[in-house]
Amino acid sequence: MSDTLFDALVRAAEDDLVRFADPWSKTDELRQIQVGVEVAAEVLKGLAGLAQHAQASDQRLYCWWAL
């Protein structure tokens, strides 16, 4: 995960995550699999929690993509 994304997740307030979930849930990819704003917000909150835990443990997050 990029430093920029990692830092943004660590520092984001819950209100920010909910606000960012709205446009993300409207992307073609998420609309196709019917992911709504509520689910997108929960995913972002989970990622933020993981990032905060990783930072507290002096670790990083890694992202694996498969197509």
N, C-alpha and C. Protein backbone atom coordinates (compact mmCIF):
# COMPACT_ATOMS: atom_id res chain seq x y z
N MET A 1 0.85 -1.16 0.00
CA MET A 1 0.00 0.00 0.00
C MET A 1 0.90 1.23 0.00
N SER A 2 0.53 2.20 -0.78
CA SER A 2 1.35 3.42 -0.85
C SER A 2 1.38 4.13 0.49
N ASP A 3 2.46 4.87 0.71
CA ASP A 3 2.57 5.66 1.94
C ASP A 3 1.43 6.67 2.04
N THR A 4 1.04 7.24 0.91
CA THR A 4 -0.02 8.24 0.89
C THR A 4 -1.34 7.64 1.36
N LEU A 5 -1.70 6.49 0.82
CA LEU A 5 -2.95 5.84 1.22
C LEU A 5 -2.88 5.38 2.67
N PHE A 6 -1.77 4.78 3.05
CA PHE A 6 -1.59 4.32 4.42
C PHE A 6 -1.77 5.48 5.41
N ASP A 7 -1.08 6.58 5.16
CA ASP A 7 -1.17 7.74 6.05
C ASP A 7 -2.59 8.32 6.09
N ALA A 8 -3.25 8.36 4.94
CA ALA A 8 -4.62 8.87 4.89
C ALA A 8 -5.56 8.00 5.71
N LEU A 9 -5.40 6.68 5.63
CA LEU A 9 -6.24 5.78 6.41
C LEU A 9 -5.98 5.92 7.90
N VAL A 10 -4.72 6.08 8.27
CA VAL A 10 -4.37 6.24 9.69
C VAL A 10 -4.99 7.51 10.26
N ARG A 11 -4.98 8.58 9.49
CA ARG A 11 -5.40 9.89 9.99
C ARG A 11 -6.88 10.21 9.77
N ALA A 12 -7.56 9.44 8.95
CA ALA A 12 -8.94 9.77 8.59
C ALA A 12 -9.88 9.65 9.78
N ALA A 13 -10.73 10.63 9.92
CA ALA A 13 -11.80 10.57 10.92
C ALA A 13 -12.93 9.71 10.35
N GLU A 14 -13.76 9.18 11.22
CA GLU A 14 -14.86 8.33 10.76
C GLU A 14 -15.77 9.07 9.78
N ASP A 15 -16.03 10.35 10.03
CA ASP A 15 -16.85 11.14 9.12
C ASP A 15 -16.23 11.22 7.73
N ASP A 16 -14.90 11.34 7.69
CA ASP A 16 -14.20 11.38 6.40
C ASP A 16 -14.39 10.06 5.65
N LEU A 17 -14.26 8.96 6.36
CA LEU A 17 -14.39 7.65 5.72
C LEU A 17 -15.79 7.46 5.15
N VAL A 18 -16.79 7.89 5.89
CA VAL A 18 -18.17 7.79 5.40
C VAL A 18 -18.35 8.68 4.17
N ARG A 19 -17.79 9.87 4.21
CA ARG A 19 -17.89 10.79 3.07
C ARG A 19 -17.17 10.23 1.84
N PHE A 20 -16.01 9.62 2.02
CA PHE A 20 -15.26 9.05 0.89
C PHE A 20 -15.93 7.80 0.34
N ALA A 21 -16.71 7.12 1.17
CA ALA A 21 -17.38 5.90 0.73
C ALA A 21 -18.42 6.18 -0.34
N ASP A 22 -19.04 7.35 -0.30
CA ASP A 22 -20.11 7.65 -1.25
C ASP A 22 -19.61 7.63 -2.69
N PRO A 23 -18.60 8.42 -3.06
CA PRO A 23 -18.16 8.37 -4.46
C PRO A 23 -17.53 7.02 -4.83
N TRP A 24 -16.88 6.37 -3.87
CA TRP A 24 -16.28 5.07 -4.15
C TRP A 24 -17.37 4.05 -4.48
N SER A 25 -18.48 4.09 -3.76
CA SER A 25 -19.56 3.13 -4.00
C SER A 25 -20.23 3.36 -5.35
N LYS A 26 -20.01 4.52 -5.95
CA LYS A 26 -20.62 4.84 -7.24
C LYS A 26 -19.72 4.49 -8.43
N THR A 27 -18.54 3.92 -8.18
CA THR A 27 -17.69 3.50 -9.29
C THR A 27 -18.35 2.32 -10.00
N ASP A 28 -18.02 2.15 -11.25
CA ASP A 28 -18.60 1.05 -12.03
C ASP A 28 -18.35 -0.30 -11.37
N GLU A 29 -17.14 -0.50 -10.86
CA GLU A 29 -16.80 -1.80 -10.27
C GLU A 29 -17.68 -2.14 -9.08
N LEU A 30 -17.90 -1.19 -8.21
CA LEU A 30 -18.71 -1.46 -7.02
C LEU A 30 -20.20 -1.48 -7.34
N ARG A 31 -20.62 -0.66 -8.29
CA ARG A 31 -22.04 -0.70 -8.68
C ARG A 31 -22.39 -2.04 -9.32
N GLN A 32 -21.47 -2.59 -10.11
CA GLN A 32 -21.73 -3.87 -10.78
C GLN A 32 -21.97 -5.01 -9.79
N ILE A 33 -21.30 -4.94 -8.66
CA ILE A 33 -21.49 -6.01 -7.65
C ILE A 33 -22.39 -5.54 -6.51
N GLN A 34 -23.08 -4.43 -6.75
CA GLN A 34 -24.10 -3.89 -5.86
C GLN A 34 -23.59 -3.62 -4.44
N VAL A 35 -22.42 -2.98 -4.37
CA VAL A 35 -21.88 -2.54 -3.08
C VAL A 35 -22.37 -1.12 -2.84
N GLY A 36 -23.16 -0.95 -1.82
CA GLY A 36 -23.71 0.36 -1.49
C GLY A 36 -22.77 1.17 -0.60
N VAL A 37 -23.17 2.38 -0.34
CA VAL A 37 -22.34 3.29 0.45
C VAL A 37 -22.11 2.76 1.86
N GLU A 38 -23.10 2.10 2.45
CA GLU A 38 -22.94 1.58 3.81
C GLU A 38 -21.84 0.52 3.87
N VAL A 39 -21.84 -0.38 2.91
CA VAL A 39 -20.83 -1.44 2.88
C VAL A 39 -19.46 -0.83 2.58
N ALA A 40 -19.41 0.08 1.64
CA ALA A 40 -18.14 0.74 1.31
C ALA A 40 -17.57 1.46 2.53
N ALA A 41 -18.43 2.11 3.30
CA ALA A 41 -17.98 2.80 4.52
C ALA A 41 -17.43 1.82 5.53
N GLU A 42 -18.08 0.68 5.69
CA GLU A 42 -17.59 -0.33 6.64
C GLU A 42 -16.23 -0.89 6.21
N VAL A 43 -16.06 -1.07 4.91
CA VAL A 43 -14.76 -1.54 4.40
C VAL A 43 -13.68 -0.51 4.70
N LEU A 44 -13.97 0.75 4.43
CA LEU A 44 -12.98 1.80 4.71
C LEU A 44 -12.67 1.90 6.20
N LYS A 45 -13.69 1.76 7.04
CA LYS A 45 -13.45 1.78 8.49
C LYS A 45 -12.56 0.61 8.91
N GLY A 46 -12.80 -0.55 8.33
CA GLY A 46 -11.97 -1.72 8.63
C GLY A 46 -10.54 -1.52 8.18
N LEU A 47 -10.36 -0.98 6.98
CA LEU A 47 -9.00 -0.71 6.49
C LEU A 47 -8.31 0.33 7.36
N ALA A 48 -9.04 1.34 7.79
CA ALA A 48 -8.45 2.37 8.66
C ALA A 48 -8.02 1.75 9.99
N GLY A 49 -8.84 0.87 10.53
CA GLY A 49 -8.47 0.19 11.78
C GLY A 49 -7.22 -0.66 11.61
N LEU A 50 -7.14 -1.37 10.49
CA LEU A 50 -5.93 -2.17 10.21
C LEU A 50 -4.70 -1.28 10.08
N ALA A 51 -4.86 -0.16 9.39
CA ALA A 51 -3.73 0.77 9.22
C ALA A 51 -3.29 1.34 10.55
N GLN A 52 -4.24 1.70 11.39
CA GLN A 52 -3.89 2.25 12.71
C GLN A 52 -3.18 1.21 13.57
N HIS A 53 -3.65 -0.02 13.51
CA HIS A 53 -3.01 -1.11 14.27
C HIS A 53 -1.61 -1.37 13.73
N ALA A 54 -1.46 -1.37 12.42
CA ALA A 54 -0.15 -1.60 11.82
C ALA A 54 0.83 -0.49 12.22
N GLN A 55 0.36 0.75 12.17
CA GLN A 55 1.24 1.85 12.54
C GLN A 55 1.67 1.74 14.01
N ALA A 56 0.73 1.41 14.87
CA ALA A 56 1.04 1.28 16.31
C ALA A 56 2.05 0.16 16.56
N SER A 57 2.08 -0.82 15.68
CA SER A 57 3.00 -1.95 15.80
C SER A 57 4.25 -1.76 14.95
N ASP A 58 4.42 -0.56 14.40
CA ASP A 58 5.56 -0.23 13.52
C ASP A 58 5.63 -1.20 12.33
N GLN A 59 4.45 -1.46 11.75
CA GLN A 59 4.37 -2.33 10.60
C GLN A 59 3.67 -1.60 9.46
N ARG A 60 3.53 -2.28 8.34
CA ARG A 60 2.90 -1.71 7.16
C ARG A 60 1.75 -2.60 6.70
N LEU A 61 0.96 -2.09 5.77
CA LEU A 61 -0.08 -2.89 5.14
C LEU A 61 0.35 -3.17 3.70
N TYR A 62 0.03 -4.35 3.23
CA TYR A 62 0.32 -4.73 1.87
C TYR A 62 -0.96 -5.15 1.19
N CYS A 63 -1.05 -4.85 -0.08
CA CYS A 63 -2.26 -5.14 -0.85
C CYS A 63 -1.91 -6.12 -1.96
N TRP A 64 -2.69 -7.18 -2.05
CA TRP A 64 -2.51 -8.18 -3.09
C TRP A 64 -3.69 -8.10 -4.02
N TRP A 65 -3.43 -7.94 -5.30
CA TRP A 65 -4.50 -7.83 -6.31
C TRP A 65 -4.50 -9.07 -7.17
N ALA A 66 -5.66 -9.54 -7.50
CA ALA A 66 -5.81 -10.65 -8.43
C ALA A 66 -6.94 -10.30 -9.39
N LEU A 67 -6.70 -10.49 -10.64
CA LEU A 67 -7.73 -10.22 -11.64
C LEU A 67 -8.20 -11.51 -12.26
